[in-house]
Amino acid sequence: MMFRDLVRRLLRHRAGNVAVVFALSMVPVVFLCGMALDYSAATQKQQRLNAAADAAALAAVSPALMTQTIAQARTVATNFFTGQASAITGATFNAPVVTVTQSGLTRTATVTFSASSANSFANVLGKTSWPLSGTATASSAASPNIDFYMMLDNSPSMEIAATTAGISTMIANTPQEDSGNGCAFACHQSSPNSTDNTGLPAGWDNARLAQSLGVTTRIQIMATATQSLTSTASSLASQTGAAFRMGVYTFNGSNSGSALTTVQSRTSNLTLAGTAAAGVGALEVCAENYINCANQPDGDTDTDFASALSSMNSIMSTPGTGASGNLPQAILFIVTDGLEDKKASTCPYPLNVWPNFSRCIAPFDITACQTIKNRGIQIAILYTEYYPLTSNFFYQQYIAPFQSSIGTNLQSCASPGLYYTEVTAAGNITNSMTTLFNSVVQNSGPHLTN
């Protein structure tokens, strides 16, 4: 009985139970703390290894590596990851698995790694390390090889002064023209005094006047902008390893037998193409098409888009993907004010602009555009908007009725995303051409895809 009482008293006694509970709870507490510390350390190493894999994948598709072989890109990615991972204390890693594939212009690099993070509480956890692994994929598109066919509008309407101030200057200094309202155009004419009664000094035409007044015309800016564009193209080619070729073409008068003139045939010498473009000038009014202007007053049908595009289509080579080992891409780059001016027996707008002459003035004829695009040739268009001249009789009578349709037709002709409008007479054609050029050659630079 005494023993039983002793046991009962022992069981009912509560002194010292905290120490017992604490001792028992220390086991899971130590385990959890050790696991948290080792897991935190492993997570930090995982993040650094992920970053190394990302950087290695991006390195394999960097602009410099896009011009190298797949084997070279794989070696660079492997060495890059190894160098980064070696600097991570407490991490043991295997050689990464690097795959690099090429599909057309697009290169994709994948870096897969496996590693482990040494545990500091291995005896507590019963585990010497945490396993780590990951994959990074990056992609980039190389700049394509491209053939550029520059079709520059050199019709007399492109000789409008390039700024609103220049327009005002020309109008103020040509009071004899356009029923006393003056002329905003710096047109070049043969024997101007005998044909147009300009009131200018003998032998002077509006082009000579504009030069003396320091007025710059839109066609002059277009020519220098095209030359500047060739420098931009050369620089990009040097940076990316892409091969660009360029040809320069202009419209021609309908009496010449051809609606298109080759200023510079396609060449890989972009400096040569730029020099040729810089020399482009506007067609001479009247005398460009007819030997005797007095007998054929203002018969200036200089811009037949359908015929010019048909000729251009026969010049342009069959395009390819632009990738190395394939044919270059082909881009028809048109800079124009979009005004059609051709000889025609029928026309949706007023004919017989001048007596006894069937002259059709209308928006850009787009009938040949789809034929070109169906060949896989892209069409990029910079619309140098035909500036409204409300005091000009010719503009009000023959152009104002369809002014709003010019841009619509040009946009329909252009390939998606390759239509750009220079909307003011004071606009910067150089910047606009560069913007459109960049849209043509843009590619997706190195970027992670997972």
Foldseek 3Di string as FASTA:
>chain_A
DVVVVVVVVVVVDDPPVVVVVVVVVVLVVVLVVLVVVQVVLVVVLLVQLVVQQQVLFLQLFALVNLVPDNVVSQVSSQVSSVVSNVPRPQKAWDRWDWDWDDDQQKIKIKTKIKIWGAGPPCVSNVHGTHIHIDMWMKMWGAFFAEEEEEEEEQAQLQQFFLAPVLQVVQQVQQQQPQVRRGGRGQAAADQCCVFGVRVDPGPDGSVNVCVVVVTHTRLLLQLQLLLVVLVVVVVVCVSRVHQYKYWYKYAAFPQVVAGIDTQGAIDSPSNVRSVSSNPDHHQHFQCRRPVDCVVPPRLGQTADQVRHLVVVLVRDDQADSRGPPIGTAYEYEYEEQFKGKHFDPDEPFDACPDPPGGIYIAGHDQPCLVVSVVSVYFYAYEHAHSDDDPSRPCCVRTPVVCSVVNLVSVVVSGDPPRYHYQDHSNGNVSVRVNVSVCSVRPIGRMDIPD
